[in-house]
Amino acid sequence: MFDPSLLSGKVAVVTGGGTGIGLAVAREAARHGADVVLAARDVPRLEQAAKELGKTGRRVLAVGCDVADYDQVRALFARVDAEFGRVDVLVNNAAANFIRPSESLTSVRWRKVIDIVLNGTFHCTLEAGKRMLGRKSGSVINMVAAYAWQGAPGLAPSASAKAGVVALTRTLGAEWAARGVRVNAVCPGFIDTAQSRERLWPQDWIREELLSQVPMGSFGTELDAANLVLYLASPLAGYVTGAVFVADGGQSLGRGALNILRKAGAVRKARDAR
């Protein structure tokens, strides 16, 4: 779909880049000409991912980093400076989540999610942003979720953190626009990954219930999200900032009324047949 040299000469930093959407984003960035820095807490998995991406012929660096720890984030970007001398694209994909009734939450679990999702996004954006602003060029892409504006029972910490990331995206999108740095977000819907199959829909009835909420009737793929990130990272999106791009098969539009409409249509057909 995209020119293979779309990100030629660019350096992309992807947090949470060892698996799932993060790895898919890193893979597409490398395939389209970028050198890639993978950052996450699971170093062995990162190194395995880096080995795979290295086959594209691009330079790939794996750095263990907990984005909740600002000292580790500073060390990450110091490595980027030393190895590559620049950062052109930052993808904030590191995440933490769990499903639990809000009344049973502990402050420790609340802080853990907020620290990784919201504070981690801020830490990385601040460090990358300073470098981008100095060069008057750069693109930051944050990964969010529809429950950032809808809310979701059992997901209070993540919903609150993602809502903060949306606000940060729009704020910096406006604040840094005239200085050459674009800040946008991608909101994937139900993406079918090994992790989501294990943790989110491990049973058929859960899978069927979730799919009933998606007008397209199917889960998305990691590539659906990665393609949007690739677009936003590229010059093709040169006039786009502070935006949130949704790729969820229509889920956030609501399917309840659609299901009623279809059932009502079936009832009318049955009546007409009589």
Protein backbone atom coordinates (compact mmCIF):
# COMPACT_ATOMS: atom_id res chain seq x y z
CA MET A 1 0.00 0.00 0.00
CA PHE A 2 2.77 2.44 0.97
CA ASP A 3 5.99 3.24 -0.86
CA PRO A 4 8.76 1.02 0.58
CA SER A 5 10.88 4.13 1.20
CA LEU A 6 8.11 5.98 3.05
CA LEU A 7 10.16 6.30 6.26
CA SER A 8 13.59 6.08 4.72
CA GLY A 9 16.24 7.79 6.86
CA LYS A 10 13.93 8.00 9.89
CA VAL A 11 14.45 6.60 13.38
CA ALA A 12 11.36 5.22 15.11
CA VAL A 13 11.09 4.40 18.83
CA VAL A 14 8.31 1.95 19.69
CA THR A 15 7.46 1.22 23.32
CA GLY A 16 5.84 -2.11 24.06
CA GLY A 17 7.50 -3.17 20.82
CA GLY A 18 8.19 -6.81 21.58
CA THR A 19 4.74 -8.26 20.88
CA GLY A 20 1.30 -7.60 19.44
CA ILE A 21 0.50 -4.25 17.88
CA GLY A 22 3.83 -2.77 18.97
CA LEU A 23 5.78 -5.42 17.11
CA ALA A 24 3.53 -5.06 14.06
CA VAL A 25 4.16 -1.30 14.06
CA ALA A 26 7.91 -1.81 14.39
CA ARG A 27 7.87 -4.40 11.62
CA GLU A 28 6.04 -2.06 9.24
CA ALA A 29 8.32 0.86 10.13
CA ALA A 30 11.39 -1.25 9.32
CA ARG A 31 9.81 -2.59 6.12
CA HIS A 32 9.28 1.01 5.01
CA GLY A 33 12.82 2.19 5.57
CA ALA A 34 13.09 3.25 9.22
CA ASP A 35 15.70 2.23 11.74
CA VAL A 36 13.86 1.00 14.83
CA VAL A 37 14.35 1.12 18.60
CA LEU A 38 12.25 -1.38 20.54
CA ALA A 39 11.60 -0.66 24.22
CA ALA A 40 9.82 -2.81 26.81
CA ARG A 41 10.39 -4.53 30.14
CA ASP A 42 10.68 -8.05 28.69
CA VAL A 43 14.24 -7.96 27.31
CA PRO A 44 14.45 -11.56 25.99
CA ARG A 45 11.27 -11.05 23.97
CA LEU A 46 12.57 -7.70 22.72
CA GLU A 47 15.83 -9.28 21.58
CA GLN A 48 13.91 -11.97 19.71
CA ALA A 49 11.82 -9.28 17.99
CA ALA A 50 14.96 -7.29 17.16
CA LYS A 51 16.52 -10.36 15.57
CA GLU A 52 13.45 -10.78 13.36
CA LEU A 53 13.38 -7.12 12.33
CA GLY A 54 17.09 -7.13 11.60
CA LYS A 55 16.37 -9.37 8.61
CA THR A 56 14.85 -6.34 6.87
CA GLY A 57 18.33 -4.85 6.64
CA ARG A 58 17.48 -1.94 8.93
CA ARG A 59 19.33 -1.12 12.14
CA VAL A 60 17.38 -2.35 15.14
CA LEU A 61 18.11 -1.72 18.82
CA ALA A 62 16.38 -3.44 21.76
CA VAL A 63 16.43 -1.55 25.06
CA GLY A 64 14.94 -2.79 28.30
CA CYS A 65 12.85 0.03 29.75
CA ASP A 66 9.99 0.49 32.19
CA VAL A 67 8.33 3.65 30.88
CA ALA A 68 6.82 4.31 34.31
CA ASP A 69 10.35 5.06 35.56
CA TYR A 70 11.48 8.43 34.23
CA ASP A 71 15.15 7.64 34.88
CA GLN A 72 14.87 4.57 32.64
CA VAL A 73 13.18 6.64 29.94
CA ARG A 74 15.97 9.20 30.04
CA ALA A 75 18.48 6.35 29.73
CA LEU A 76 16.51 4.96 26.77
CA PHE A 77 16.74 8.20 24.82
CA ALA A 78 20.38 8.64 25.77
CA ARG A 79 20.97 5.27 24.05
CA VAL A 80 18.98 6.47 21.04
CA ASP A 81 21.14 9.60 20.88
CA ALA A 82 24.33 7.56 21.12
CA GLU A 83 23.33 4.91 18.57
CA PHE A 84 21.31 6.93 16.05
CA GLY A 85 21.77 10.62 16.85
CA ARG A 86 18.09 11.44 16.35
CA VAL A 87 14.49 10.36 16.84
CA ASP A 88 11.87 11.12 14.21
CA VAL A 89 8.94 8.96 15.30
CA LEU A 90 7.73 7.91 18.73
CA VAL A 91 4.98 5.32 19.14
CA ASN A 92 3.68 5.12 22.71
CA ASN A 93 2.32 1.60 22.79
CA ALA A 94 3.35 0.33 26.24
CA ALA A 95 0.26 -0.61 28.23
CA ALA A 96 -1.07 -2.27 31.37
CA ASN A 97 -4.59 -3.45 32.00
CA PHE A 98 -6.80 -5.80 33.98
CA ILE A 99 -10.52 -6.27 34.48
CA ARG A 100 -11.77 -5.83 38.03
CA PRO A 101 -14.81 -4.33 39.79
CA SER A 102 -13.89 -0.79 40.82
CA GLU A 103 -14.81 -1.32 44.48
CA SER A 104 -12.14 -4.02 44.75
CA LEU A 105 -9.34 -1.89 43.30
CA THR A 106 -6.28 -1.16 45.39
CA SER A 107 -4.27 2.05 45.14
CA VAL A 108 -1.27 -0.06 44.10
CA ARG A 109 -3.05 -1.51 41.07
CA TRP A 110 -4.55 1.87 40.19
CA ARG A 111 -1.13 3.55 40.26
CA LYS A 112 0.47 0.74 38.27
CA VAL A 113 -1.82 1.27 35.29
CA ILE A 114 -1.72 5.06 35.51
CA ASP A 115 2.08 5.03 35.80
CA ILE A 116 2.59 2.88 32.71
CA VAL A 117 -0.18 4.17 30.44
CA LEU A 118 -0.44 7.87 31.26
CA ASN A 119 2.80 8.77 33.02
CA GLY A 120 4.81 6.49 30.73
CA THR A 121 3.34 8.16 27.66
CA PHE A 122 4.19 11.56 29.11
CA HIS A 123 7.74 10.53 30.05
CA CYS A 124 8.53 9.24 26.57
CA THR A 125 6.76 12.07 24.78
CA LEU A 126 8.63 14.66 26.83
CA GLU A 127 12.05 13.13 26.11
CA ALA A 128 11.37 12.52 22.42
CA GLY A 129 9.55 15.84 22.10
CA LYS A 130 12.48 17.89 23.38
CA ARG A 131 14.67 16.35 20.69
CA MET A 132 12.05 16.76 17.97
CA LEU A 133 11.35 20.37 18.92
CA GLY A 134 15.06 21.09 18.74
CA ARG A 135 15.07 19.85 15.13
CA LYS A 136 11.60 21.29 14.37
CA SER A 137 10.44 17.95 13.04
CA GLY A 138 8.85 14.79 14.40
CA SER A 139 5.76 12.68 14.87
CA VAL A 140 4.36 11.21 18.10
CA ILE A 141 1.64 8.57 17.89
CA ASN A 142 -0.17 7.42 21.03
CA MET A 143 -2.21 4.24 21.26
CA VAL A 144 -5.57 4.75 22.99
CA ALA A 145 -8.90 2.92 23.33
CA ALA A 146 -12.55 3.84 22.78
CA TYR A 147 -13.30 3.48 26.47
CA ALA A 148 -11.18 6.62 26.97
CA TRP A 149 -14.31 8.62 26.12
CA GLN A 150 -16.99 5.97 26.64
CA GLY A 151 -15.83 4.45 29.91
CA ALA A 152 -15.99 0.70 30.51
CA PRO A 153 -17.17 -1.27 33.56
CA GLY A 154 -14.26 -3.05 35.21
CA LEU A 155 -11.62 -0.97 33.42
CA ALA A 156 -11.56 2.20 35.52
CA PRO A 157 -7.74 2.58 35.74
CA SER A 158 -7.13 1.96 32.05
CA ALA A 159 -10.09 4.07 30.93
CA SER A 160 -8.93 6.95 33.11
CA ALA A 161 -5.34 6.65 31.92
CA LYS A 162 -6.31 6.45 28.24
CA ALA A 163 -8.61 9.47 28.67
CA GLY A 164 -5.58 11.33 29.95
CA VAL A 165 -3.57 10.23 26.93
CA VAL A 166 -6.30 11.53 24.59
CA ALA A 167 -6.22 14.90 26.37
CA LEU A 168 -2.41 14.95 26.20
CA THR A 169 -2.55 14.13 22.48
CA ARG A 170 -4.88 17.01 21.72
CA THR A 171 -3.05 19.44 23.99
CA LEU A 172 0.41 18.78 22.57
CA GLY A 173 -1.02 18.44 19.07
CA ALA A 174 -1.97 22.11 19.29
CA GLU A 175 0.93 23.27 21.44
CA TRP A 176 3.70 21.83 19.27
CA ALA A 177 2.09 22.17 15.83
CA ALA A 178 3.76 25.42 14.84
CA ARG A 179 7.11 24.04 15.98
CA GLY A 180 7.14 21.15 13.51
CA VAL A 181 6.07 18.31 15.82
CA ARG A 182 2.80 16.49 15.22
CA VAL A 183 1.04 14.51 17.97
CA ASN A 184 -1.79 12.13 17.10
CA ALA A 185 -3.41 8.95 18.39
CA VAL A 186 -4.67 5.65 17.03
CA CYS A 187 -7.62 3.89 18.66
CA PRO A 188 -7.80 0.21 17.72
CA GLY A 189 -10.92 -1.80 18.45
CA PHE A 190 -10.93 -5.52 19.15
CA ILE A 191 -7.64 -6.66 17.62
CA ASP A 192 -7.10 -10.40 17.31
CA THR A 193 -3.68 -11.19 18.80
CA ALA A 194 -2.28 -14.14 20.73
CA GLN A 195 -2.46 -12.02 23.88
CA SER A 196 -6.09 -10.96 23.36
CA ARG A 197 -7.15 -14.53 22.60
CA GLU A 198 -5.54 -15.67 25.84
CA ARG A 199 -6.57 -12.82 28.12
CA LEU A 200 -9.66 -11.13 26.69
CA TRP A 201 -11.68 -13.74 24.78
CA PRO A 202 -10.37 -17.16 25.82
CA GLN A 203 -13.79 -18.78 25.39
CA ASP A 204 -16.07 -18.96 22.35
CA TRP A 205 -19.04 -17.34 24.09
CA ILE A 206 -16.95 -14.28 25.00
CA ARG A 207 -15.66 -14.04 21.44
CA GLU A 208 -19.20 -14.24 20.04
CA GLU A 209 -20.50 -11.62 22.48
CA LEU A 210 -17.74 -9.18 21.54
CA LEU A 211 -18.22 -9.74 17.82
CA SER A 212 -21.93 -8.99 18.24
CA GLN A 213 -20.87 -5.43 19.12
CA VAL A 214 -18.90 -4.89 15.90
CA PRO A 215 -20.93 -3.87 12.82
CA MET A 216 -18.30 -5.36 10.50
CA GLY A 217 -18.71 -8.65 12.35
CA SER A 218 -15.00 -9.44 12.67
CA PHE A 219 -11.97 -8.65 14.77
CA GLY A 220 -9.30 -6.35 13.46
CA THR A 221 -5.72 -7.35 12.78
CA GLU A 222 -2.49 -5.91 14.08
CA LEU A 223 -1.84 -4.60 10.58
CA ASP A 224 -5.06 -2.56 10.68
CA ALA A 225 -3.59 -0.56 13.55
CA ALA A 226 -0.04 -0.55 12.20
CA ASN A 227 -1.12 0.93 8.86
CA LEU A 228 -2.70 3.92 10.61
CA VAL A 229 0.46 4.44 12.67
CA LEU A 230 2.56 4.25 9.52
CA TYR A 231 0.40 6.89 7.85
CA LEU A 232 0.60 9.25 10.83
CA ALA A 233 4.37 8.78 11.09
CA SER A 234 4.87 9.70 7.46
CA PRO A 235 4.87 12.94 5.45
CA LEU A 236 1.49 11.87 4.07
CA ALA A 237 -0.03 13.12 7.35
CA GLY A 238 1.93 16.37 7.32
CA TYR A 239 -1.18 18.48 8.00
CA VAL A 240 -2.64 16.19 10.69
CA THR A 241 -2.15 16.88 14.39
CA GLY A 242 -4.17 16.47 17.58
CA ALA A 243 -6.36 13.85 15.89
CA VAL A 244 -7.56 10.46 17.08
CA PHE A 245 -7.97 7.86 14.33
CA VAL A 246 -10.35 4.99 15.11
CA ALA A 247 -10.01 1.52 13.54
CA ASP A 248 -12.64 -0.64 15.23
CA GLY A 249 -14.98 -1.98 12.55
CA GLY A 250 -17.65 0.49 13.71
CA GLN A 251 -17.74 -0.77 17.30
CA SER A 252 -17.62 2.70 18.86
CA LEU A 253 -20.67 3.71 16.80
CA GLY A 254 -22.77 1.21 18.72
CA ARG A 255 -24.43 -1.89 17.33
CA GLY A 256 -27.39 -2.14 19.68
CA ALA A 257 -29.64 -0.07 17.43
CA LEU A 258 -28.28 -1.85 14.36
CA ASN A 259 -29.23 -5.24 15.81
CA ILE A 260 -32.70 -3.95 16.63
CA LEU A 261 -33.04 -2.57 13.09
CA ARG A 262 -32.05 -5.91 11.56
CA LYS A 263 -34.39 -7.85 13.82
CA ALA A 264 -37.20 -5.41 13.09
CA GLY A 265 -36.58 -5.94 9.38
CA ALA A 266 -36.81 -9.68 9.85
CA VAL A 267 -40.11 -9.26 11.73
CA ARG A 268 -41.53 -7.11 8.92
CA LYS A 269 -40.51 -9.66 6.31
CA ALA A 270 -42.21 -12.40 8.30
CA ARG A 271 -45.38 -10.33 8.56
CA ASP A 272 -45.34 -9.54 4.84
CA ALA A 273 -44.92 -13.26 4.07
CA ARG A 274 -48.19 -13.96 5.89
